[in-house]
Amino acid sequence: MIVGSVIEAFADIFFKLWNDKGGNYLVIAGIVLYLIGTGCWVTSLKYETFTKSGVVFLLLNIILLSLTGLFFFKDELSTINKIGILVGIASIIMIEM
């Protein structure tokens, strides 16, 4: 699930770069990475329940995108956004216990 979330985060980065700079190759790279990331999630269904793997996968992706937005795209997060990310991290820990 972690690998799939990281791959999908890169797909989202390519889509953001395409939105900012253009270039069809960025869209194609994003689509290919989404397919690979989704394949990783589908594979995780062999080892985890649908609900658990889906929630963890999405939370990991949200956390990775938030960190990428902060450090790479210089986005800003409000206090409530930061609290939400911390709750997401706590959620992953509780789900995996």
Protein backbone atom coordinates (compact mmCIF):
# COMPACT_ATOMS: atom_id res chain seq x y z
CA MET A 1 0.00 0.00 0.00
CA ILE A 2 2.85 2.36 0.79
CA VAL A 3 4.46 1.81 -2.62
CA GLY A 4 1.14 2.34 -4.38
CA SER A 5 0.46 5.53 -2.44
CA VAL A 6 3.89 6.91 -3.28
CA ILE A 7 3.43 6.06 -6.96
CA GLU A 8 0.01 7.73 -7.03
CA ALA A 9 1.45 10.79 -5.29
CA PHE A 10 3.98 11.05 -8.12
CA ALA A 11 1.13 10.74 -10.61
CA ASP A 12 -0.60 13.68 -8.91
CA ILE A 13 2.65 15.66 -9.04
CA PHE A 14 2.87 15.06 -12.79
CA PHE A 15 -0.73 16.25 -13.20
CA LYS A 16 0.03 19.39 -11.17
CA LEU A 17 3.13 20.08 -13.28
CA TRP A 18 1.08 19.56 -16.44
CA ASN A 19 -1.48 22.03 -15.12
CA ASP A 20 1.24 24.60 -14.40
CA LYS A 21 3.55 24.08 -17.38
CA GLY A 22 1.74 22.00 -19.98
CA GLY A 23 3.18 19.07 -21.89
CA ASN A 24 1.27 15.99 -22.92
CA TYR A 25 4.06 13.73 -21.67
CA LEU A 26 3.22 14.80 -18.10
CA VAL A 27 -0.40 13.66 -18.51
CA ILE A 28 0.69 10.35 -20.01
CA ALA A 29 3.20 9.81 -17.19
CA GLY A 30 0.50 10.63 -14.63
CA ILE A 31 -1.96 8.16 -16.16
CA VAL A 32 0.65 5.39 -16.34
CA LEU A 33 1.65 5.99 -12.71
CA TYR A 34 -1.99 5.98 -11.62
CA LEU A 35 -2.46 2.60 -13.28
CA ILE A 36 0.63 1.21 -11.55
CA GLY A 37 -0.40 2.68 -8.19
CA THR A 38 -3.89 1.25 -8.51
CA GLY A 39 -2.35 -2.12 -9.36
CA CYS A 40 -0.42 -1.96 -6.10
CA TRP A 41 -3.62 -1.22 -4.19
CA VAL A 42 -5.45 -4.08 -5.91
CA THR A 43 -2.60 -6.40 -4.93
CA SER A 44 -2.93 -5.28 -1.31
CA LEU A 45 -6.49 -6.63 -1.32
CA LYS A 46 -4.99 -10.13 -1.21
CA TYR A 47 -3.53 -9.36 2.21
CA GLU A 48 -5.91 -6.86 3.82
CA THR A 49 -9.64 -6.27 3.94
CA PHE A 50 -11.15 -3.95 1.37
CA THR A 51 -12.07 -1.32 3.95
CA LYS A 52 -8.73 -1.35 5.75
CA SER A 53 -6.61 -1.24 2.61
CA GLY A 54 -8.77 1.43 0.99
CA VAL A 55 -8.70 3.76 3.98
CA VAL A 56 -4.97 3.36 4.61
CA PHE A 57 -4.17 3.79 0.91
CA LEU A 58 -6.18 7.01 0.67
CA LEU A 59 -4.86 8.44 3.93
CA LEU A 60 -1.27 7.75 2.92
CA ASN A 61 -1.89 9.42 -0.42
CA ILE A 62 -3.46 12.48 1.24
CA ILE A 63 -0.56 12.81 3.68
CA LEU A 64 2.03 12.45 0.91
CA LEU A 65 0.24 15.01 -1.26
CA SER A 66 0.01 17.43 1.64
CA LEU A 67 3.72 17.14 2.35
CA THR A 68 4.52 17.48 -1.36
CA GLY A 69 2.34 20.57 -1.57
CA LEU A 70 4.09 22.11 1.43
CA PHE A 71 7.68 21.42 0.46
CA PHE A 72 7.64 21.25 -3.34
CA PHE A 73 4.83 23.59 -4.40
CA LYS A 74 5.08 25.92 -1.37
CA ASP A 75 1.40 25.54 -0.48
CA GLU A 76 0.25 26.72 2.91
CA LEU A 77 -1.84 24.77 5.40
CA SER A 78 -4.14 26.23 7.99
CA THR A 79 -3.99 25.03 11.57
CA ILE A 80 -7.08 22.87 11.04
CA ASN A 81 -5.44 21.32 7.96
CA LYS A 82 -2.36 20.44 10.01
CA ILE A 83 -4.55 18.91 12.70
CA GLY A 84 -6.35 16.90 10.03
CA ILE A 85 -3.07 15.49 8.74
CA LEU A 86 -2.04 14.53 12.28
CA VAL A 87 -5.41 12.83 12.77
CA GLY A 88 -4.84 10.98 9.47
CA ILE A 89 -1.46 9.73 10.70
CA ALA A 90 -3.03 8.66 13.99
CA SER A 91 -5.79 6.91 12.03
CA ILE A 92 -3.29 4.88 10.03
CA ILE A 93 -1.53 3.84 13.23
CA MET A 94 -4.82 2.79 14.85
CA ILE A 95 -6.02 0.93 11.74
CA GLU A 96 -2.75 -1.00 11.46
CA MET A 97 -2.77 -2.07 15.13
